[in-house]
Amino acid sequence: FTHPYASWERGTSENQHKFIRRFIPKGNSMSDLTQRDCLRIQQWMNDYPRKILGYQTPHEVFTKAFKKARQEEGLVSA
C-alpha cells in the first residue's frame, strides 16, 4: 500500500493511471462508463507493448507463461 499523495511510492500504479487517463480525462466521472467501455480500456491496456516486458504485451507474456505452466503439469503437449 502507498500513502495518500505519495505517488512515487508505487510507480506502476501511476503508469496504469496514465493509461486510463487516455480514455477518461482527469475530472471526468467514471460513473458514465459502460461495462463495454471498461472492457475496451482493459483490452487496450493488455495489448500495449511494455519496455519492461521486452516490448511484449502483458497479454502475450501471460499467455506464454500459462501455456508453459500447463505443459509442465502435463496438461497439454508441446
Protein backbone atom coordinates (compact mmCIF):
# COMPACT_ATOMS: atom_id res chain seq x y z
CA PHE A 1 0.00 0.00 0.00
CA THR A 2 1.06 3.58 -0.55
CA HIS A 3 0.42 6.71 1.41
CA PRO A 4 -2.06 9.28 0.10
CA TYR A 5 -0.47 11.80 -2.27
CA ALA A 6 2.78 9.80 -2.37
CA SER A 7 2.59 8.51 -5.94
CA TRP A 8 6.35 7.98 -6.12
CA GLU A 9 5.95 5.04 -3.75
CA ARG A 10 4.29 2.98 -6.45
CA GLY A 11 5.33 3.91 -9.98
CA THR A 12 3.41 1.05 -11.56
CA SER A 13 0.12 2.45 -10.31
CA GLU A 14 0.95 5.85 -11.73
CA ASN A 15 1.69 4.35 -15.13
CA GLN A 16 -1.61 2.48 -15.11
CA HIS A 17 -3.42 5.69 -14.21
CA LYS A 18 -1.79 7.44 -17.17
CA PHE A 19 -3.12 4.73 -19.47
CA ILE A 20 -6.62 5.08 -18.06
CA ARG A 21 -6.46 8.88 -18.38
CA ARG A 22 -6.08 8.45 -22.14
CA PHE A 23 -9.70 7.35 -22.13
CA ILE A 24 -11.07 9.18 -19.09
CA PRO A 25 -9.59 12.65 -18.60
CA LYS A 26 -8.98 13.77 -15.03
CA GLY A 27 -12.08 15.33 -13.53
CA ASN A 28 -14.49 13.26 -15.63
CA SER A 29 -16.80 10.85 -13.87
CA MET A 30 -16.36 7.13 -14.36
CA SER A 31 -20.00 6.53 -13.48
CA ASP A 32 -20.99 7.03 -17.12
CA LEU A 33 -18.80 4.16 -18.32
CA THR A 34 -20.49 1.02 -19.53
CA GLN A 35 -19.15 -2.48 -18.99
CA ARG A 36 -18.20 -2.47 -22.66
CA ASP A 37 -16.20 0.75 -22.20
CA CYS A 38 -14.30 -0.79 -19.27
CA LEU A 39 -13.55 -3.96 -21.23
CA ARG A 40 -12.31 -1.89 -24.18
CA ILE A 41 -9.92 0.03 -21.93
CA GLN A 42 -8.78 -3.22 -20.30
CA GLN A 43 -8.15 -4.81 -23.69
CA TRP A 44 -6.16 -1.80 -24.89
CA MET A 45 -4.01 -1.83 -21.75
CA ASN A 46 -3.32 -5.57 -22.06
CA ASP A 47 -2.40 -5.21 -25.73
CA TYR A 48 0.01 -2.29 -25.20
CA PRO A 49 3.69 -3.36 -25.53
CA ARG A 50 5.82 -2.63 -22.45
CA LYS A 51 9.53 -1.94 -22.38
CA ILE A 52 9.87 -3.84 -19.09
CA LEU A 53 8.43 -6.93 -20.82
CA GLY A 54 10.88 -6.76 -23.72
CA TYR A 55 8.31 -4.87 -25.80
CA GLN A 56 5.85 -7.72 -25.49
CA THR A 57 2.29 -7.09 -24.41
CA PRO A 58 1.06 -8.22 -20.98
CA HIS A 59 -1.35 -10.50 -22.82
CA GLU A 60 1.49 -12.20 -24.71
CA VAL A 61 3.55 -12.68 -21.55
CA PHE A 62 0.59 -14.12 -19.65
CA THR A 63 -0.35 -16.47 -22.48
CA LYS A 64 3.22 -17.81 -22.77
CA ALA A 65 3.53 -18.31 -19.00
CA PHE A 66 0.14 -20.02 -18.83
CA LYS A 67 1.00 -22.41 -21.68
CA LYS A 68 4.37 -23.18 -20.10
CA ALA A 69 2.75 -23.95 -16.74
CA ARG A 70 0.21 -26.25 -18.37
CA GLN A 71 2.97 -28.07 -20.28
CA GLU A 72 4.99 -28.52 -17.09
CA GLU A 73 1.95 -30.03 -15.40
CA GLY A 74 1.48 -32.37 -18.35
CA LEU A 75 -1.91 -30.95 -19.19
CA VAL A 76 -1.06 -30.24 -22.81
CA SER A 77 1.53 -31.44 -25.27
CA ALA A 78 4.30 -29.18 -26.53
